[in-house]
Protein backbone atom coordinates (compact mmCIF):
# COMPACT_ATOMS: atom_id res chain seq x y z
CA MET A 1 110.64 41.67 112.74
CA ASP A 2 112.70 44.87 112.61
CA ALA A 3 116.40 44.99 113.49
CA ASP A 4 115.88 46.44 116.98
CA ALA A 5 113.33 43.78 117.90
CA ARG A 6 115.56 41.01 116.52
CA THR A 7 118.53 42.37 118.50
CA ARG A 8 116.43 42.38 121.69
CA GLN A 9 115.28 38.82 120.97
CA VAL A 10 118.87 37.59 120.66
CA MET A 11 120.12 39.56 123.69
CA GLU A 12 117.26 38.24 125.84
CA PHE A 13 118.06 34.69 124.73
CA VAL A 14 121.72 35.02 125.71
CA ASP A 15 120.81 36.43 129.11
CA GLU A 16 117.99 33.97 129.83
CA VAL A 17 119.63 30.77 128.58
CA TRP A 18 123.39 31.30 128.77
CA ASN A 19 123.54 33.51 131.87
CA ARG A 20 120.42 32.44 133.83
CA ARG A 21 120.59 28.80 132.71
CA ASN A 22 116.93 28.55 131.72
CA TYR A 23 117.24 25.73 129.18
CA ASP A 24 113.47 25.59 128.70
CA ALA A 25 113.75 28.97 126.92
CA VAL A 26 115.91 27.55 124.10
CA GLY A 27 112.75 26.74 122.16
CA ASP A 28 111.79 30.42 122.27
CA LEU A 29 114.57 31.13 119.74
CA TYR A 30 115.51 27.79 118.15
CA SER A 31 113.12 26.04 115.76
CA ALA A 32 112.08 22.42 116.08
CA ASP A 33 113.65 22.16 112.59
CA TYR A 34 117.02 23.50 113.81
CA GLU A 35 119.88 21.28 112.69
CA ALA A 36 123.51 21.27 113.74
CA PRO A 37 126.37 18.76 113.70
CA PHE A 38 125.59 17.90 117.34
CA GLY A 39 121.88 17.19 116.82
CA LYS A 40 118.47 18.52 115.88
CA GLY A 41 116.01 20.82 117.60
CA PRO A 42 116.12 23.01 120.69
CA ALA A 43 116.99 20.07 122.96
CA ALA A 44 120.27 19.52 121.09
CA LYS A 45 121.20 23.20 121.49
CA ALA A 46 120.20 23.14 125.18
CA ALA A 47 122.41 20.08 125.76
CA VAL A 48 125.47 21.85 124.34
CA ILE A 49 124.84 24.92 126.48
CA ALA A 50 124.31 22.76 129.59
CA LYS A 51 127.65 21.02 128.92
CA TYR A 52 129.38 24.42 128.88
CA HIS A 53 127.76 25.20 132.27
CA GLU A 54 128.88 21.84 133.63
CA THR A 55 132.45 22.54 132.54
CA PHE A 56 132.55 26.25 133.42
CA ALA A 57 130.25 26.52 136.46
CA ASP A 58 130.56 30.33 136.72
CA LEU A 59 130.18 30.86 132.96
CA HIS A 60 129.00 34.28 131.86
CA VAL A 61 128.38 35.42 128.28
CA GLU A 62 128.71 39.04 127.22
CA VAL A 63 127.42 40.15 123.83
CA GLN A 64 129.59 42.78 122.17
CA GLU A 65 127.72 43.19 118.91
CA VAL A 66 124.61 42.07 117.05
CA VAL A 67 124.31 42.72 113.31
CA VAL A 68 120.93 42.05 111.72
CA GLY A 69 120.82 41.44 107.97
CA THR A 70 117.85 41.90 105.70
CA ASP A 71 117.86 38.24 104.61
CA GLY A 72 117.04 36.59 107.95
CA THR A 73 120.67 36.39 109.03
CA VAL A 74 121.94 37.68 112.37
CA VAL A 75 125.59 37.82 113.41
CA VAL A 76 126.34 37.80 117.13
CA ARG A 77 129.82 38.54 118.50
CA GLN A 78 130.24 37.55 122.13
CA THR A 79 132.71 36.53 124.81
CA LEU A 80 132.34 33.54 127.11
CA ARG A 81 134.21 33.67 130.45
CA GLY A 82 134.36 30.98 133.09
CA THR A 83 136.45 28.78 135.35
CA ASP A 84 137.18 25.23 134.20
CA VAL A 85 135.84 22.97 136.95
CA GLY A 86 134.53 20.13 134.82
CA GLY A 87 137.29 19.52 132.29
CA TYR A 88 136.90 20.74 128.73
CA ALA A 89 136.89 18.46 125.68
CA GLY A 90 138.01 15.37 127.60
CA HIS A 91 140.84 17.11 129.48
CA PRO A 92 140.96 17.10 133.28
CA PRO A 93 139.71 20.24 135.07
CA THR A 94 142.38 22.91 135.36
CA GLY A 95 140.74 25.42 137.70
CA ARG A 96 141.81 28.15 135.29
CA THR A 97 139.60 31.01 134.22
CA VAL A 98 139.33 31.38 130.47
CA SER A 99 137.87 33.80 127.97
CA GLU A 100 136.72 32.70 124.51
CA TRP A 101 135.41 34.88 121.70
CA VAL A 102 132.58 33.40 119.68
CA VAL A 103 130.84 34.54 116.51
CA ASN A 104 127.47 32.99 115.70
CA ILE A 105 125.83 33.47 112.34
CA LEU A 106 122.17 32.66 112.87
CA ARG A 107 119.74 32.00 110.01
CA PHE A 108 116.14 32.74 110.90
CA GLU A 109 112.92 31.61 109.31
CA GLY A 110 110.20 33.73 110.85
CA ASP A 111 111.06 34.24 114.51
CA ARG A 112 113.15 31.07 115.02
CA VAL A 113 116.72 30.00 114.26
CA VAL A 114 116.84 27.10 111.79
CA SER A 115 120.63 26.90 111.38
CA GLU A 116 123.81 28.53 112.58
CA PHE A 117 127.52 28.72 111.96
CA ILE A 118 129.71 29.02 115.03
CA GLY A 119 133.27 30.34 114.92
CA ALA A 120 135.16 30.30 118.20
CA ASP A 121 138.69 30.83 119.52
CA LYS A 122 139.29 27.25 120.62
CA LEU A 123 143.09 27.58 120.26
CA GLY A 124 143.07 30.57 122.59
CA MET A 125 140.97 28.66 125.10
CA PHE A 126 143.27 25.63 124.99
CA ILE A 127 146.28 27.92 125.51
CA GLU A 128 144.57 29.55 128.51
CA LEU A 129 143.72 26.11 129.91
CA GLY A 130 147.37 25.06 129.53
CA VAL A 131 146.39 22.17 127.26
CA VAL A 132 148.61 23.39 124.40
CA ASP A 133 151.65 25.65 124.37
CA ASP A 134 151.27 29.20 123.15
CA PRO A 135 152.75 29.28 119.64
CA TRP A 136 153.30 33.03 120.07
CA PRO A 137 155.05 33.33 123.46
CA LYS A 138 155.18 36.82 124.89
């Protein structure tokens, strides 16, 4: 698959699954062999995404950049925005709107993701939620 087609595939996934909440479409991108610390297969990935939607009911994901490598690796830089109505990571709901940057490094075999690394600004999100104090006050 060429870089433009791979970029479209990833962008369509973000829109369909993250923004339209079509969890059945997770298997269109994630392999049955996909493994992550939270589980295996598309169902494990769908469960994590559904939990984000439960916590941030108005969640919207915007992709800023997709970089396609020649070795089956794709890097996706995106921003998640939503209002905490469900309580994040065991904390009570705050009603605050947050923004979190996320970088996913996806490793493809054929046309499916088999593994990924996720880097995210959890400290920034916890500061925005008021769960921790800002170590760099303005």
